[in-house]
Amino acid sequence: MRVLLFILMQVAVLVVVGIVGSIIMALLGIRITPGAYGGLFVMCAIFGCVGSMISLFMSKTMVKSAYGVEVITQPRNDAEAFLLREVSQMAQRAGIGMPEVGIYYSADPNAFATGASKDNALVAVSTGLLNNMTADEVRGVLGHEISHVANGDMVTMTLLQGVLNTFVYFFSYIAAQAVSGFMSRSNDEEGSSGGNFFVFYLVQSLFQMLFGIGATLISMWFSRYREYRADAGSAQLEGTERMIMALQKLQSLSSISVQKEGQFSAFCINGGTSFSELFMSHPPLEKRIAALRGQR
């Protein structure tokens, strides 16, 4: 259910931004003709990328607030000292700047990395992960998150989302223009421009929902690919066995406590298994383990 809500949220954002952008163009008296598709594409690119870029640059602040992340500045205990030391060493080996390191309170064993660049990132782990994993298993998880940062996954996914949004806006506008134009010619006797206006935005919203779902499928496929890469990066940083041990522990913890499908899967290391893989941001744990064993 949470995965479905996540998808619907993404589609809703596309629809709302597209409608607002179209209304602004209408208020400014901008009329799109068949010869002005270049300008339309530029406008769609602006609408499509600005939101993604703002989200990227605000990601650390938003995540800290949403999860209640406490950034470690001075270690208060052995666990915090361990996290700072391990992240620092891994960051040096990966050739990136020292990320901020944080802990958030949650019974779910999870971790995530976010930030606008390789040298301005945040790596956070849950108390559930620290309390249920051994030191080597935690190292495997940290290597995974550091690999996300080193691979530039946050920026890459943001750029991909911006491109997908651009094409969703562009093609939905063209499709809506074609449909409303056809309906307008069929109802010329009415002479109602208001009706054409309503039909255009209704059709555009429908096409944005359809194209938005397609864009989500592409985005989720690429996200799963990046997860495999981050697993491989952790294997290089900390050893294949540690990464496999971490994934196996996540498997065992998932079987002990029934986790809600896809919970926070957009950020965290663990993804669900029963929902269709087409809409999963993370591959099933068994496939990730099999991939690592194949590399070994």
Protein backbone atom coordinates (compact mmCIF):
# COMPACT_ATOMS: atom_id res chain seq x y z
CA MET A 1 0.00 0.00 0.00
CA ARG A 2 2.83 2.40 0.80
CA VAL A 3 4.42 1.72 -2.59
CA LEU A 4 1.11 2.51 -4.29
CA LEU A 5 0.79 5.74 -2.31
CA PHE A 6 4.36 6.67 -3.25
CA ILE A 7 3.58 6.16 -6.95
CA LEU A 8 0.33 8.13 -6.71
CA MET A 9 2.18 10.97 -4.97
CA GLN A 10 4.71 11.18 -7.80
CA VAL A 11 1.94 11.21 -10.40
CA ALA A 12 0.03 13.84 -8.43
CA VAL A 13 3.09 16.11 -8.37
CA LEU A 14 3.41 15.81 -12.14
CA VAL A 15 -0.26 16.67 -12.66
CA VAL A 16 -0.32 19.64 -10.30
CA VAL A 17 2.90 21.22 -11.59
CA GLY A 18 1.84 20.67 -15.20
CA ILE A 19 -1.56 22.31 -14.67
CA VAL A 20 -0.09 25.26 -12.77
CA GLY A 21 2.52 25.77 -15.49
CA SER A 22 -0.10 25.67 -18.20
CA ILE A 23 -2.30 28.17 -16.36
CA ILE A 24 0.65 30.52 -15.99
CA MET A 25 1.35 30.31 -19.71
CA ALA A 26 -2.32 30.98 -20.42
CA LEU A 27 -2.39 34.01 -18.11
CA LEU A 28 0.73 35.37 -19.79
CA GLY A 29 -0.93 34.98 -23.16
CA ILE A 30 1.51 32.37 -24.40
CA ARG A 31 0.04 30.32 -27.23
CA ILE A 32 1.74 27.16 -28.38
CA THR A 33 1.59 26.54 -32.12
CA PRO A 34 2.92 23.50 -34.01
CA GLY A 35 6.00 25.52 -34.95
CA ALA A 36 6.80 26.42 -31.35
CA TYR A 37 7.42 22.96 -29.93
CA GLY A 38 11.05 23.87 -29.25
CA GLY A 39 9.94 26.60 -26.88
CA LEU A 40 7.39 24.26 -25.34
CA PHE A 41 10.10 21.69 -24.67
CA VAL A 42 12.28 24.31 -22.97
CA MET A 43 9.34 25.37 -20.81
CA CYS A 44 8.62 21.74 -19.91
CA ALA A 45 12.29 21.22 -19.05
CA ILE A 46 12.15 24.16 -16.65
CA PHE A 47 9.00 22.86 -15.00
CA GLY A 48 10.38 19.31 -14.96
CA CYS A 49 13.82 19.98 -13.53
CA VAL A 50 13.35 22.85 -11.09
CA GLY A 51 11.34 20.81 -8.60
CA SER A 52 13.80 17.91 -8.74
CA MET A 53 16.78 20.20 -8.21
CA ILE A 54 15.13 21.97 -5.28
CA SER A 55 14.39 18.59 -3.70
CA LEU A 56 18.03 17.54 -4.17
CA PHE A 57 19.48 20.64 -2.51
CA MET A 58 16.96 20.47 0.33
CA SER A 59 17.25 16.69 0.75
CA LYS A 60 19.48 16.71 3.84
CA THR A 61 17.35 19.26 5.65
CA MET A 62 14.11 17.51 4.69
CA VAL A 63 15.33 14.06 5.71
CA LYS A 64 16.75 15.25 9.04
CA SER A 65 13.40 16.78 9.87
CA ALA A 66 11.28 13.88 8.58
CA TYR A 67 13.26 11.16 10.38
CA GLY A 68 14.43 13.13 13.39
CA VAL A 69 18.06 12.44 12.52
CA GLU A 70 20.57 13.41 15.21
CA VAL A 71 23.87 14.35 13.57
CA ILE A 72 26.89 13.09 15.51
CA THR A 73 29.38 15.86 16.18
CA GLN A 74 30.96 14.56 19.36
CA PRO A 75 30.49 10.82 20.03
CA ARG A 76 28.57 10.16 23.21
CA ASN A 77 29.16 6.41 23.31
CA ASP A 78 31.06 3.58 21.66
CA ALA A 79 28.41 3.05 18.96
CA GLU A 80 28.60 6.67 17.79
CA ALA A 81 32.41 6.61 17.86
CA PHE A 82 32.33 3.41 15.81
CA LEU A 83 30.05 4.98 13.18
CA LEU A 84 32.19 8.11 12.83
CA ARG A 85 35.41 6.11 12.57
CA GLU A 86 34.09 3.63 10.01
CA VAL A 87 32.42 6.25 7.81
CA SER A 88 35.55 8.40 7.89
CA GLN A 89 37.78 5.51 6.81
CA MET A 90 35.39 4.38 4.07
CA ALA A 91 35.00 7.93 2.75
CA GLN A 92 38.77 8.26 2.46
CA ARG A 93 39.04 4.96 0.59
CA ALA A 94 36.15 5.93 -1.69
CA GLY A 95 37.71 9.33 -2.44
CA ILE A 96 34.84 11.50 -1.16
CA GLY A 97 34.50 14.17 1.50
CA MET A 98 33.52 13.17 5.00
CA PRO A 99 29.71 12.93 5.11
CA GLU A 100 27.65 13.97 8.08
CA VAL A 101 26.83 10.93 10.18
CA GLY A 102 23.53 10.63 12.00
CA ILE A 103 21.30 8.28 13.96
CA TYR A 104 17.52 8.21 13.96
CA TYR A 105 15.20 6.31 16.27
CA SER A 106 13.33 3.51 14.54
CA ALA A 107 12.84 -0.19 15.24
CA ASP A 108 13.25 -0.94 11.51
CA PRO A 109 16.86 -1.91 10.62
CA ASN A 110 17.57 0.60 7.88
CA ALA A 111 20.06 3.17 6.65
CA PHE A 112 20.16 5.81 3.94
CA ALA A 113 22.43 8.34 2.27
CA THR A 114 21.40 11.66 0.74
CA GLY A 115 22.89 15.01 -0.19
CA ALA A 116 23.51 17.34 -3.12
CA SER A 117 27.05 16.18 -3.90
CA LYS A 118 29.74 13.64 -3.05
CA ASP A 119 31.35 16.09 -0.63
CA ASN A 120 28.12 17.29 0.98
CA ALA A 121 26.28 14.14 1.97
CA LEU A 122 24.56 12.59 4.97
CA VAL A 123 24.73 8.96 6.03
CA ALA A 124 22.21 7.95 8.69
CA VAL A 125 21.42 4.64 10.35
CA SER A 126 18.51 3.59 12.52
CA THR A 127 18.77 2.47 16.12
CA GLY A 128 17.09 -0.74 15.00
CA LEU A 129 20.02 -1.47 12.70
CA LEU A 130 22.63 -0.76 15.38
CA ASN A 131 20.81 -2.86 17.95
CA ASN A 132 20.32 -5.90 15.74
CA MET A 133 23.49 -6.14 13.65
CA THR A 134 27.06 -7.09 14.40
CA ALA A 135 29.92 -4.70 13.72
CA ASP A 136 30.80 -6.44 10.43
CA GLU A 137 27.18 -6.36 9.28
CA VAL A 138 26.98 -2.64 10.04
CA ARG A 139 30.19 -2.14 8.06
CA GLY A 140 28.54 -3.83 5.08
CA VAL A 141 25.57 -1.46 5.31
CA LEU A 142 27.80 1.60 5.70
CA GLY A 143 29.83 0.51 2.66
CA HIS A 144 26.61 0.31 0.67
CA GLU A 145 25.61 3.86 1.62
CA ILE A 146 29.09 5.28 1.06
CA SER A 147 29.04 3.67 -2.40
CA HIS A 148 25.77 5.47 -3.15
CA VAL A 149 27.51 8.75 -2.32
CA ALA A 150 30.68 7.90 -4.27
CA ASN A 151 28.64 6.82 -7.30
CA GLY A 152 26.74 10.12 -7.27
CA ASP A 153 23.42 8.27 -7.11
CA MET A 154 21.47 11.14 -5.56
CA VAL A 155 22.45 13.54 -8.36
CA THR A 156 21.97 10.90 -11.04
CA MET A 157 18.47 10.02 -9.86
CA THR A 158 17.57 13.71 -9.64
CA LEU A 159 18.70 14.35 -13.21
CA LEU A 160 16.85 11.28 -14.43
CA GLN A 161 13.67 12.40 -12.68
CA GLY A 162 14.01 15.86 -14.21
CA VAL A 163 14.37 14.39 -17.70
CA LEU A 164 11.41 12.06 -17.17
CA ASN A 165 9.28 14.93 -15.87
CA THR A 166 10.21 16.99 -18.92
CA PHE A 167 9.01 14.36 -21.35
CA VAL A 168 5.86 13.68 -19.32
CA TYR A 169 4.90 17.38 -19.50
CA PHE A 170 5.88 17.68 -23.16
CA PHE A 171 4.07 14.65 -24.53
CA SER A 172 1.00 15.12 -22.33
CA TYR A 173 0.66 18.70 -23.62
CA ILE A 174 0.96 17.59 -27.23
CA ALA A 175 -1.48 14.71 -26.72
CA ALA A 176 -3.98 16.97 -24.96
CA GLN A 177 -3.65 19.58 -27.71
CA ALA A 178 -4.34 16.97 -30.37
CA VAL A 179 -7.36 15.48 -28.59
CA SER A 180 -8.91 18.82 -27.66
CA GLY A 181 -8.30 20.10 -31.19
CA PHE A 182 -10.08 17.08 -32.65
CA MET A 183 -13.01 17.53 -30.27
CA SER A 184 -13.11 21.24 -31.03
CA ARG A 185 -13.45 20.61 -34.77
CA SER A 186 -16.19 18.09 -34.04
CA ASN A 187 -18.15 20.66 -32.03
CA ASP A 188 -17.55 23.83 -34.04
CA GLU A 189 -21.24 24.63 -34.02
CA GLU A 190 -21.12 25.25 -30.26
CA GLY A 191 -18.40 27.90 -30.47
CA SER A 192 -17.55 27.48 -26.82
CA SER A 193 -13.89 28.23 -26.05
CA GLY A 194 -14.54 27.64 -22.35
CA GLY A 195 -15.51 24.06 -23.10
CA ASN A 196 -12.36 23.54 -25.14
CA PHE A 197 -10.30 24.95 -22.27
CA PHE A 198 -11.87 22.50 -19.81
CA VAL A 199 -11.44 19.56 -22.18
CA PHE A 200 -7.79 20.44 -22.75
CA TYR A 201 -6.83 20.46 -19.05
CA LEU A 202 -8.88 17.36 -18.31
CA VAL A 203 -7.22 15.42 -21.13
CA GLN A 204 -3.80 16.78 -20.19
CA SER A 205 -4.25 15.60 -16.59
CA LEU A 206 -5.22 12.12 -17.75
CA PHE A 207 -2.21 11.87 -20.06
CA GLN A 208 0.11 13.12 -17.31
CA MET A 209 -1.16 10.35 -15.02
CA LEU A 210 -0.57 7.70 -17.70
CA PHE A 211 2.85 9.00 -18.75
CA GLY A 212 3.73 9.60 -15.09
CA ILE A 213 3.20 5.93 -14.28
CA GLY A 214 5.45 5.01 -17.21
CA ALA A 215 8.10 7.44 -15.95
CA THR A 216 7.89 5.88 -12.49
CA LEU A 217 8.54 2.43 -13.96
CA ILE A 218 11.69 3.74 -15.65
CA SER A 219 12.84 5.52 -12.50
CA MET A 220 12.30 2.44 -10.32
CA TRP A 221 14.16 0.20 -12.79
CA PHE A 222 17.16 2.55 -12.72
CA SER A 223 16.99 2.75 -8.92
CA ARG A 224 17.21 -1.05 -8.68
CA TYR A 225 20.24 -0.99 -10.98
CA ARG A 226 21.92 1.57 -8.72
CA GLU A 227 21.26 -0.66 -5.70
CA TYR A 228 23.14 -3.53 -7.29
CA ARG A 229 26.03 -1.13 -7.99
CA ALA A 230 26.04 0.08 -4.39
CA ASP A 231 26.14 -3.54 -3.17
CA ALA A 232 29.12 -4.17 -5.44
CA GLY A 233 30.78 -1.00 -4.15
CA SER A 234 30.35 -2.15 -0.56
CA ALA A 235 31.87 -5.50 -1.51
CA GLN A 236 34.94 -3.66 -2.80
CA LEU A 237 35.20 -1.40 0.24
CA GLU A 238 34.46 -3.90 3.01
CA GLY A 239 34.51 -7.32 1.38
CA THR A 240 31.78 -9.38 -0.26
CA GLU A 241 31.14 -11.47 2.83
CA ARG A 242 30.28 -8.46 5.00
CA MET A 243 27.75 -7.19 2.47
CA ILE A 244 26.19 -10.65 2.13
CA MET A 245 26.08 -10.99 5.93
CA ALA A 246 24.27 -7.63 6.18
CA LEU A 247 21.67 -8.62 3.59
CA GLN A 248 21.15 -12.01 5.20
CA LYS A 249 20.59 -10.35 8.58
CA LEU A 250 18.00 -8.06 6.97
CA GLN A 251 16.32 -11.18 5.59
CA SER A 252 16.19 -12.85 8.98
CA LEU A 253 14.92 -9.71 10.71
CA SER A 254 12.24 -9.32 8.05
CA SER A 255 11.04 -12.86 8.66
CA ILE A 256 10.91 -12.33 12.43
CA SER A 257 8.92 -9.11 12.37
CA VAL A 258 6.42 -8.63 9.56
CA GLN A 259 7.51 -5.41 7.87
CA LYS A 260 5.13 -3.26 5.91
CA GLU A 261 5.75 -3.59 2.20
CA GLY A 262 8.11 -1.02 0.74
CA GLN A 263 8.31 1.11 3.90
CA PHE A 264 10.53 4.13 3.15
CA SER A 265 12.01 2.15 0.27
CA ALA A 266 12.87 5.34 -1.58
CA PHE A 267 15.67 5.98 0.93
CA CYS A 268 16.52 2.81 2.77
CA ILE A 269 18.60 -0.23 2.12
CA ASN A 270 15.87 -2.82 2.46
CA GLY A 271 13.13 -3.32 -0.13
CA GLY A 272 10.03 -5.50 -0.16
CA THR A 273 9.66 -8.78 -2.00
CA SER A 274 5.97 -9.57 -2.48
CA PHE A 275 4.92 -6.54 -4.52
CA SER A 276 5.58 -6.38 -8.22
CA GLU A 277 9.24 -5.65 -8.85
CA LEU A 278 8.28 -3.15 -11.53
CA PHE A 279 7.32 -0.67 -8.82
CA MET A 280 10.14 -1.43 -6.38
CA SER A 281 13.04 0.98 -5.85
CA HIS A 282 15.12 -1.86 -4.34
CA PRO A 283 15.58 -5.39 -5.70
CA PRO A 284 14.47 -8.31 -3.48
CA LEU A 285 17.09 -9.23 -0.92
CA GLU A 286 17.53 -12.74 -2.31
CA LYS A 287 18.41 -11.36 -5.73
CA ARG A 288 20.93 -8.95 -4.26
CA ILE A 289 22.58 -11.77 -2.33
CA ALA A 290 22.66 -13.96 -5.45
CA ALA A 291 24.27 -11.13 -7.43
CA LEU A 292 27.02 -10.74 -4.86
CA ARG A 293 27.66 -14.46 -4.75
CA GLY A 294 27.89 -14.49 -8.55
CA GLN A 295 30.51 -11.73 -8.42
CA ARG A 296 32.43 -13.63 -5.77
